[in-house]
Amino acid sequence: MARKKKTWREQLMDSKDLPKVVQLNENGQIHLKAKTMAIPSPLAVDAIMAKVPKGKLTTIDEIRRQVAKDNCADIGCQLTCGIFAWIVANAAEEAAAAGEKKITPYWRTLKSNGELNPKYPGGVEAQKKRLEAEGHTIFQKRVKWFVEDFEAKLVRERRG
């Protein structure tokens, strides 16, 4: 019998024995310019994304920095931070569909260069609409969408 696919919220709650810090091998150290890498849990990424207030933004790079800091590592894992941000976004929409009013404001998390994330629920259009409703200016460059002057609106240095 086929296994039932986990809901987004179940995936969010599955810690997978994370977070953990790994020692990078020699090639990893050269390529990433770091000795240790923190791999967060989905809930750790959710906690960072949940703290971004209205009018402010964060990026996957900022999340990676916070994950590294929280785990006393040199860097945060780019792959898992990105995947877990996607899980957070879908879990938040799943919660909203179930009638929950307070969800993680995932739309305030951008790709590293200020780009909107087409993989979020509803795609770029939904994220664009929410960000514009919070006062951000969105512009298109070729086929991608960005937040104007996003660096000035970043939340940096979180505690706790």
N, C-alpha and C. Protein backbone atom coordinates (compact mmCIF):
# COMPACT_ATOMS: atom_id res chain seq x y z
N MET A 1 0.84 -1.18 0.00
CA MET A 1 0.00 0.00 0.00
C MET A 1 0.89 1.25 0.00
N ALA A 2 0.54 2.22 -0.79
CA ALA A 2 1.33 3.45 -0.90
C ALA A 2 1.22 4.27 0.37
N ARG A 3 2.34 4.90 0.73
CA ARG A 3 2.36 5.77 1.91
C ARG A 3 1.63 7.06 1.61
N LYS A 4 0.90 7.53 2.60
CA LYS A 4 0.18 8.79 2.47
C LYS A 4 1.19 9.94 2.51
N LYS A 5 1.07 10.86 1.58
CA LYS A 5 1.97 12.01 1.54
C LYS A 5 1.70 12.91 2.75
N LYS A 6 2.78 13.36 3.38
CA LYS A 6 2.64 14.25 4.53
C LYS A 6 2.10 15.61 4.09
N THR A 7 1.30 16.21 4.95
CA THR A 7 0.84 17.56 4.68
C THR A 7 2.02 18.51 4.84
N TRP A 8 1.87 19.73 4.36
CA TRP A 8 2.93 20.73 4.52
C TRP A 8 3.22 20.98 5.98
N ARG A 9 2.16 21.03 6.81
CA ARG A 9 2.37 21.28 8.24
C ARG A 9 3.06 20.10 8.90
N GLU A 10 2.78 18.89 8.44
CA GLU A 10 3.50 17.72 8.98
C GLU A 10 4.98 17.78 8.58
N GLN A 11 5.26 18.21 7.36
CA GLN A 11 6.65 18.36 6.92
C GLN A 11 7.36 19.43 7.75
N LEU A 12 6.65 20.50 8.05
CA LEU A 12 7.22 21.58 8.86
C LEU A 12 7.61 21.06 10.26
N MET A 13 6.78 20.20 10.81
CA MET A 13 7.02 19.69 12.17
C MET A 13 8.05 18.57 12.24
N ASP A 14 8.43 18.02 11.09
CA ASP A 14 9.38 16.90 11.04
C ASP A 14 10.81 17.43 11.12
N SER A 15 11.42 17.29 12.30
CA SER A 15 12.75 17.87 12.52
C SER A 15 13.86 17.11 11.80
N LYS A 16 13.63 15.85 11.42
CA LYS A 16 14.65 15.06 10.72
C LYS A 16 15.98 15.03 11.47
N ASP A 17 15.93 15.03 12.80
CA ASP A 17 17.13 15.06 13.65
C ASP A 17 17.98 16.31 13.41
N LEU A 18 17.32 17.39 13.07
CA LEU A 18 18.00 18.66 12.83
C LEU A 18 17.59 19.64 13.92
N PRO A 19 18.32 20.66 14.19
CA PRO A 19 19.50 21.14 13.46
C PRO A 19 20.75 20.34 13.83
N LYS A 20 21.74 20.48 12.95
CA LYS A 20 23.04 19.90 13.25
C LYS A 20 24.10 20.72 12.53
N VAL A 21 25.32 20.59 13.03
CA VAL A 21 26.46 21.27 12.43
C VAL A 21 27.39 20.19 11.90
N VAL A 22 27.81 20.36 10.65
CA VAL A 22 28.71 19.40 10.03
C VAL A 22 30.05 20.06 9.71
N GLN A 23 31.09 19.26 9.82
CA GLN A 23 32.43 19.70 9.42
C GLN A 23 32.53 19.49 7.91
N LEU A 24 32.94 20.50 7.20
CA LEU A 24 33.07 20.39 5.75
C LEU A 24 34.39 19.71 5.39
N ASN A 25 34.38 18.92 4.32
CA ASN A 25 35.62 18.30 3.87
C ASN A 25 36.48 19.38 3.20
N GLU A 26 37.68 18.99 2.80
CA GLU A 26 38.62 19.96 2.25
C GLU A 26 38.06 20.70 1.04
N ASN A 27 37.44 19.96 0.13
CA ASN A 27 36.85 20.61 -1.06
C ASN A 27 35.74 21.58 -0.67
N GLY A 28 34.89 21.18 0.29
CA GLY A 28 33.82 22.05 0.77
C GLY A 28 34.37 23.31 1.42
N GLN A 29 35.44 23.15 2.17
CA GLN A 29 36.04 24.30 2.83
C GLN A 29 36.58 25.30 1.82
N ILE A 30 37.19 24.79 0.77
CA ILE A 30 37.73 25.68 -0.27
C ILE A 30 36.59 26.35 -1.03
N HIS A 31 35.61 25.56 -1.44
CA HIS A 31 34.50 26.08 -2.25
C HIS A 31 33.63 27.06 -1.46
N LEU A 32 33.32 26.72 -0.21
CA LEU A 32 32.40 27.54 0.58
C LEU A 32 33.10 28.53 1.50
N LYS A 33 34.44 28.45 1.56
CA LYS A 33 35.23 29.34 2.42
C LYS A 33 34.75 29.28 3.86
N ALA A 34 34.55 28.05 4.34
CA ALA A 34 34.05 27.83 5.70
C ALA A 34 34.50 26.44 6.16
N LYS A 35 34.54 26.26 7.46
CA LYS A 35 34.90 24.95 8.01
C LYS A 35 33.68 24.18 8.51
N THR A 36 32.67 24.93 8.98
CA THR A 36 31.48 24.27 9.51
C THR A 36 30.22 24.84 8.87
N MET A 37 29.21 23.97 8.72
CA MET A 37 27.95 24.39 8.12
C MET A 37 26.80 23.90 9.00
N ALA A 38 25.89 24.81 9.30
CA ALA A 38 24.71 24.47 10.08
C ALA A 38 23.58 24.07 9.14
N ILE A 39 22.94 22.97 9.45
CA ILE A 39 21.78 22.50 8.71
C ILE A 39 20.59 22.67 9.66
N PRO A 40 19.69 23.59 9.35
CA PRO A 40 18.59 23.89 10.27
C PRO A 40 17.46 22.87 10.19
N SER A 41 16.56 22.95 11.15
CA SER A 41 15.31 22.21 11.06
C SER A 41 14.31 23.10 10.33
N PRO A 42 13.25 22.51 9.79
CA PRO A 42 12.22 23.36 9.17
C PRO A 42 11.64 24.38 10.15
N LEU A 43 11.45 23.97 11.41
CA LEU A 43 10.88 24.90 12.40
C LEU A 43 11.83 26.05 12.71
N ALA A 44 13.15 25.81 12.63
CA ALA A 44 14.11 26.90 12.86
C ALA A 44 13.98 27.96 11.77
N VAL A 45 13.81 27.52 10.53
CA VAL A 45 13.63 28.47 9.42
C VAL A 45 12.30 29.20 9.59
N ASP A 46 11.27 28.47 9.99
CA ASP A 46 9.96 29.09 10.25
C ASP A 46 10.08 30.17 11.32
N ALA A 47 10.81 29.89 12.39
CA ALA A 47 10.94 30.85 13.49
C ALA A 47 11.61 32.14 13.01
N ILE A 48 12.59 32.03 12.15
CA ILE A 48 13.27 33.21 11.62
C ILE A 48 12.32 34.00 10.71
N MET A 49 11.63 33.29 9.83
CA MET A 49 10.71 33.94 8.90
C MET A 49 9.53 34.59 9.63
N ALA A 50 9.10 33.98 10.71
CA ALA A 50 7.95 34.48 11.46
C ALA A 50 8.23 35.81 12.16
N LYS A 51 9.50 36.12 12.39
CA LYS A 51 9.87 37.35 13.11
C LYS A 51 10.02 38.57 12.22
N VAL A 52 9.79 38.42 10.92
CA VAL A 52 9.95 39.57 10.01
C VAL A 52 8.68 40.41 10.07
N PRO A 53 8.80 41.64 10.60
CA PRO A 53 7.60 42.47 10.76
C PRO A 53 7.12 43.08 9.45
N LYS A 54 5.89 43.51 9.46
CA LYS A 54 5.29 44.18 8.30
C LYS A 54 6.17 45.37 7.91
N GLY A 55 6.40 45.52 6.61
CA GLY A 55 7.23 46.61 6.11
C GLY A 55 8.69 46.25 6.00
N LYS A 56 9.08 45.12 6.57
CA LYS A 56 10.47 44.66 6.52
C LYS A 56 10.57 43.41 5.66
N LEU A 57 11.79 43.01 5.35
CA LEU A 57 12.03 41.86 4.49
C LEU A 57 13.21 41.06 5.02
N THR A 58 13.33 39.85 4.54
CA THR A 58 14.53 39.06 4.75
C THR A 58 14.81 38.32 3.45
N THR A 59 15.98 37.73 3.37
CA THR A 59 16.36 36.93 2.21
C THR A 59 16.86 35.57 2.69
N ILE A 60 17.00 34.65 1.77
CA ILE A 60 17.56 33.35 2.13
C ILE A 60 18.97 33.53 2.69
N ASP A 61 19.75 34.46 2.16
CA ASP A 61 21.10 34.70 2.70
C ASP A 61 21.04 35.18 4.15
N GLU A 62 20.09 36.05 4.46
CA GLU A 62 19.95 36.51 5.85
C GLU A 62 19.54 35.35 6.76
N ILE A 63 18.66 34.50 6.27
CA ILE A 63 18.26 33.32 7.04
C ILE A 63 19.47 32.42 7.27
N ARG A 64 20.28 32.22 6.25
CA ARG A 64 21.49 31.40 6.38
C ARG A 64 22.43 31.98 7.43
N ARG A 65 22.59 33.30 7.43
CA ARG A 65 23.46 33.93 8.43
C ARG A 65 22.94 33.70 9.84
N GLN A 66 21.62 33.82 9.99
CA GLN A 66 21.02 33.62 11.32
C GLN A 66 21.15 32.17 11.76
N VAL A 67 20.93 31.24 10.85
CA VAL A 67 21.08 29.81 11.16
C VAL A 67 22.51 29.51 11.60
N ALA A 68 23.48 30.06 10.89
CA ALA A 68 24.88 29.86 11.26
C ALA A 68 25.16 30.42 12.66
N LYS A 69 24.68 31.64 12.90
CA LYS A 69 24.89 32.28 14.20
C LYS A 69 24.23 31.48 15.32
N ASP A 70 22.99 31.07 15.11
CA ASP A 70 22.25 30.33 16.13
C ASP A 70 22.90 29.00 16.48
N ASN A 71 23.67 28.44 15.52
CA ASN A 71 24.28 27.12 15.72
C ASN A 71 25.79 27.16 15.84
N CYS A 72 26.35 28.37 16.01
CA CYS A 72 27.80 28.55 16.16
C CYS A 72 28.57 27.89 15.02
N ALA A 73 28.11 28.11 13.80
CA ALA A 73 28.76 27.56 12.61
C ALA A 73 29.22 28.71 11.72
N ASP A 74 30.07 28.39 10.76
CA ASP A 74 30.57 29.41 9.84
C ASP A 74 29.51 29.86 8.83
N ILE A 75 28.72 28.91 8.33
CA ILE A 75 27.68 29.22 7.34
C ILE A 75 26.45 28.38 7.60
N GLY A 76 25.33 28.81 7.03
CA GLY A 76 24.10 28.02 7.04
C GLY A 76 23.93 27.37 5.69
N CYS A 77 23.34 26.20 5.66
CA CYS A 77 23.18 25.44 4.41
C CYS A 77 22.20 26.12 3.46
N GLN A 78 22.68 26.45 2.29
CA GLN A 78 21.86 27.13 1.28
C GLN A 78 20.71 26.24 0.82
N LEU A 79 20.98 24.98 0.57
CA LEU A 79 19.95 24.07 0.04
C LEU A 79 18.81 23.87 1.02
N THR A 80 19.12 23.50 2.27
CA THR A 80 18.05 23.24 3.22
C THR A 80 17.32 24.52 3.62
N CYS A 81 18.01 25.63 3.73
CA CYS A 81 17.31 26.89 4.05
C CYS A 81 16.30 27.22 2.97
N GLY A 82 16.66 27.01 1.71
CA GLY A 82 15.74 27.28 0.60
C GLY A 82 14.57 26.31 0.58
N ILE A 83 14.85 25.04 0.75
CA ILE A 83 13.78 24.04 0.76
C ILE A 83 12.84 24.27 1.93
N PHE A 84 13.40 24.54 3.10
CA PHE A 84 12.57 24.72 4.29
C PHE A 84 11.75 26.01 4.21
N ALA A 85 12.27 27.06 3.56
CA ALA A 85 11.48 28.28 3.35
C ALA A 85 10.26 27.97 2.49
N TRP A 86 10.44 27.12 1.50
CA TRP A 86 9.35 26.68 0.62
C TRP A 86 8.31 25.88 1.41
N ILE A 87 8.78 25.00 2.29
CA ILE A 87 7.87 24.23 3.15
C ILE A 87 7.11 25.17 4.08
N VAL A 88 7.81 26.15 4.67
CA VAL A 88 7.17 27.13 5.55
C VAL A 88 6.05 27.85 4.81
N ALA A 89 6.32 28.29 3.58
CA ALA A 89 5.34 29.03 2.79
C ALA A 89 4.09 28.18 2.54
N ASN A 90 4.30 26.95 2.13
CA ASN A 90 3.16 26.07 1.86
C ASN A 90 2.42 25.68 3.13
N ALA A 91 3.14 25.48 4.23
CA ALA A 91 2.49 25.17 5.51
C ALA A 91 1.66 26.35 5.99
N ALA A 92 2.15 27.57 5.76
CA ALA A 92 1.41 28.77 6.16
C ALA A 92 0.10 28.87 5.37
N GLU A 93 0.17 28.61 4.08
CA GLU A 93 -1.05 28.66 3.26
C GLU A 93 -2.01 27.54 3.64
N GLU A 94 -1.47 26.39 3.99
CA GLU A 94 -2.31 25.28 4.43
C GLU A 94 -3.02 25.66 5.73
N ALA A 95 -2.30 26.32 6.63
CA ALA A 95 -2.90 26.78 7.89
C ALA A 95 -3.98 27.83 7.63
N ALA A 96 -3.71 28.74 6.71
CA ALA A 96 -4.69 29.78 6.36
C ALA A 96 -5.96 29.14 5.78
N ALA A 97 -5.77 28.14 4.93
CA ALA A 97 -6.92 27.44 4.33
C ALA A 97 -7.75 26.72 5.39
N ALA A 98 -7.09 26.35 6.50
CA ALA A 98 -7.79 25.67 7.60
C ALA A 98 -8.42 26.68 8.56
N GLY A 99 -8.32 27.97 8.23
CA GLY A 99 -8.97 28.99 9.05
C GLY A 99 -8.09 29.70 10.06
N GLU A 100 -6.80 29.36 10.10
CA GLU A 100 -5.91 30.04 11.04
C GLU A 100 -5.66 31.47 10.56
N LYS A 101 -5.70 32.40 11.48
CA LYS A 101 -5.54 33.82 11.12
C LYS A 101 -4.08 34.27 11.16
N LYS A 102 -3.33 33.76 12.14
CA LYS A 102 -1.93 34.18 12.28
C LYS A 102 -1.03 33.12 11.64
N ILE A 103 -0.48 33.48 10.48
CA ILE A 103 0.42 32.57 9.78
C ILE A 103 1.78 33.24 9.60
N THR A 104 2.79 32.44 9.33
CA THR A 104 4.13 32.99 9.07
C THR A 104 4.08 33.82 7.79
N PRO A 105 4.55 35.07 7.85
CA PRO A 105 4.51 35.95 6.67
C PRO A 105 5.64 35.62 5.69
N TYR A 106 5.54 34.47 5.09
CA TYR A 106 6.57 33.95 4.19
C TYR A 106 6.85 34.86 3.00
N TRP A 107 5.85 35.63 2.58
CA TRP A 107 6.00 36.51 1.41
C TRP A 107 7.05 37.59 1.64
N ARG A 108 7.44 37.80 2.89
CA ARG A 108 8.48 38.79 3.21
C ARG A 108 9.89 38.21 3.05
N THR A 109 9.99 36.94 2.70
CA THR A 109 11.28 36.30 2.47
C THR A 109 11.53 36.22 0.97
N LEU A 110 12.61 36.87 0.56
CA LEU A 110 12.97 36.94 -0.85
C LEU A 110 14.15 36.03 -1.15
N LYS A 111 14.38 35.82 -2.42
CA LYS A 111 15.59 35.12 -2.82
C LYS A 111 16.76 36.05 -2.50
N SER A 112 17.97 35.54 -2.59
CA SER A 112 19.15 36.27 -2.12
C SER A 112 19.35 37.65 -2.72
N ASN A 113 18.95 37.86 -3.95
CA ASN A 113 19.19 39.13 -4.64
C ASN A 113 17.97 40.05 -4.64
N GLY A 114 17.01 39.78 -3.76
CA GLY A 114 15.81 40.61 -3.70
C GLY A 114 14.72 40.18 -4.65
N GLU A 115 14.91 39.03 -5.27
CA GLU A 115 13.94 38.51 -6.23
C GLU A 115 12.77 37.83 -5.52
N LEU A 116 11.58 38.00 -6.08
CA LEU A 116 10.41 37.28 -5.59
C LEU A 116 10.57 35.80 -5.93
N ASN A 117 9.95 34.96 -5.11
CA ASN A 117 10.12 33.52 -5.27
C ASN A 117 8.95 32.90 -6.02
N PRO A 118 9.16 32.46 -7.26
CA PRO A 118 8.07 31.89 -8.05
C PRO A 118 7.56 30.55 -7.51
N LYS A 119 8.30 29.94 -6.59
CA LYS A 119 7.89 28.64 -6.04
C LYS A 119 6.94 28.78 -4.85
N TYR A 120 6.76 29.98 -4.36
CA TYR A 120 5.82 30.18 -3.25
C TYR A 120 4.39 29.97 -3.73
N PRO A 121 3.48 29.66 -2.82
CA PRO A 121 2.08 29.45 -3.21
C PRO A 121 1.53 30.66 -3.97
N GLY A 122 0.89 30.38 -5.08
CA GLY A 122 0.33 31.47 -5.89
C GLY A 122 1.34 32.12 -6.81
N GLY A 123 2.60 31.69 -6.72
CA GLY A 123 3.65 32.22 -7.58
C GLY A 123 3.99 33.68 -7.30
N VAL A 124 4.68 34.27 -8.24
CA VAL A 124 5.13 35.65 -8.10
C VAL A 124 3.97 36.62 -7.93
N GLU A 125 2.87 36.38 -8.63
CA GLU A 125 1.72 37.30 -8.56
C GLU A 125 1.18 37.43 -7.14
N ALA A 126 1.05 36.32 -6.44
CA ALA A 126 0.53 36.36 -5.07
C ALA A 126 1.50 37.06 -4.13
N GLN A 127 2.80 36.78 -4.26
CA GLN A 127 3.80 37.42 -3.41
C GLN A 127 3.86 38.91 -3.71
N LYS A 128 3.81 39.26 -4.99
CA LYS A 128 3.83 40.66 -5.42
C LYS A 128 2.65 41.43 -4.80
N LYS A 129 1.48 40.85 -4.87
CA LYS A 129 0.27 41.50 -4.33
C LYS A 129 0.41 41.76 -2.83
N ARG A 130 0.90 40.76 -2.10
CA ARG A 130 1.04 40.92 -0.65
C ARG A 130 2.11 41.96 -0.30
N LEU A 131 3.22 41.94 -1.01
CA LEU A 131 4.29 42.90 -0.73
C LEU A 131 3.86 44.33 -1.08
N GLU A 132 3.17 44.50 -2.18
CA GLU A 132 2.68 45.83 -2.55
C GLU A 132 1.67 46.32 -1.52
N ALA A 133 0.86 45.43 -0.98
CA ALA A 133 -0.12 45.81 0.06
C ALA A 133 0.58 46.29 1.33
N GLU A 134 1.83 45.87 1.53
CA GLU A 134 2.60 46.29 2.69
C GLU A 134 3.50 47.48 2.38
N GLY A 135 3.35 48.06 1.18
CA GLY A 135 4.07 49.28 0.84
C GLY A 135 5.35 49.11 0.04
N HIS A 136 5.67 47.91 -0.38
CA HIS A 136 6.89 47.70 -1.17
C HIS A 136 6.61 47.95 -2.65
N THR A 137 7.63 48.43 -3.33
CA THR A 137 7.54 48.66 -4.77
C THR A 137 8.21 47.48 -5.47
N ILE A 138 7.48 46.88 -6.39
CA ILE A 138 7.97 45.71 -7.12
C ILE A 138 8.22 46.12 -8.57
N PHE A 139 9.33 45.63 -9.13
CA PHE A 139 9.62 45.91 -10.53
C PHE A 139 10.08 44.65 -11.24
N GLN A 140 9.89 44.65 -12.55
CA GLN A 140 10.27 43.50 -13.36
C GLN A 140 11.54 43.81 -14.13
N LYS A 141 12.43 42.82 -14.16
CA LYS A 141 13.66 42.92 -14.95
C LYS A 141 13.72 41.63 -15.77
N ARG A 142 13.49 41.75 -17.05
CA ARG A 142 13.32 40.62 -17.96
C ARG A 142 12.15 39.77 -17.48
N VAL A 143 12.38 38.53 -17.09
CA VAL A 143 11.26 37.68 -16.67
C VAL A 143 11.13 37.57 -15.15
N LYS A 144 12.03 38.21 -14.41
CA LYS A 144 12.03 38.11 -12.95
C LYS A 144 11.49 39.38 -12.31
N TRP A 145 10.99 39.22 -11.07
CA TRP A 145 10.42 40.33 -10.31
C TRP A 145 11.24 40.56 -9.05
N PHE A 146 11.43 41.83 -8.69
CA PHE A 146 12.28 42.21 -7.56
C PHE A 146 11.60 43.28 -6.70
N VAL A 147 12.06 43.37 -5.44
CA VAL A 147 11.62 44.46 -4.57
C VAL A 147 12.64 45.58 -4.69
N GLU A 148 12.13 46.77 -5.00
CA GLU A 148 12.98 47.95 -5.13
C GLU A 148 13.63 48.28 -3.78
N ASP A 149 14.93 48.53 -3.81
CA ASP A 149 15.67 48.96 -2.62
C ASP A 149 15.47 47.99 -1.44
N PHE A 150 15.45 46.69 -1.75
CA PHE A 150 15.16 45.70 -0.70
C PHE A 150 16.20 45.69 0.42
N GLU A 151 17.46 46.03 0.09
CA GLU A 151 18.52 45.99 1.11
C GLU A 151 18.21 46.92 2.28
N ALA A 152 17.59 48.06 1.99
CA ALA A 152 17.29 49.04 3.04
C ALA A 152 16.18 48.54 3.98
N LYS A 153 15.46 47.52 3.58
CA LYS A 153 14.32 47.04 4.36
C LYS A 153 14.59 45.70 5.04
N LEU A 154 15.84 45.23 4.94
CA LEU A 154 16.18 43.93 5.52
C LEU A 154 16.21 43.96 7.04
N VAL A 155 15.72 42.89 7.63
CA VAL A 155 15.84 42.68 9.07
C VAL A 155 17.16 41.94 9.25
N ARG A 156 18.04 42.52 10.02
CA ARG A 156 19.35 41.88 10.28
C ARG A 156 19.51 41.66 11.78
N GLU A 157 20.50 40.88 12.13
CA GLU A 157 20.84 40.64 13.55
C GLU A 157 19.64 40.38 14.43
N ARG A 158 19.17 39.18 14.39
CA ARG A 158 18.09 38.78 15.28
C ARG A 158 18.67 38.14 16.52
N ARG A 159 17.97 38.24 17.58
CA ARG A 159 18.41 37.62 18.84
C ARG A 159 17.36 36.63 19.29
N GLY A 160 17.85 35.59 19.98
CA GLY A 160 16.91 34.62 20.57
C GLY A 160 16.43 33.71 19.61
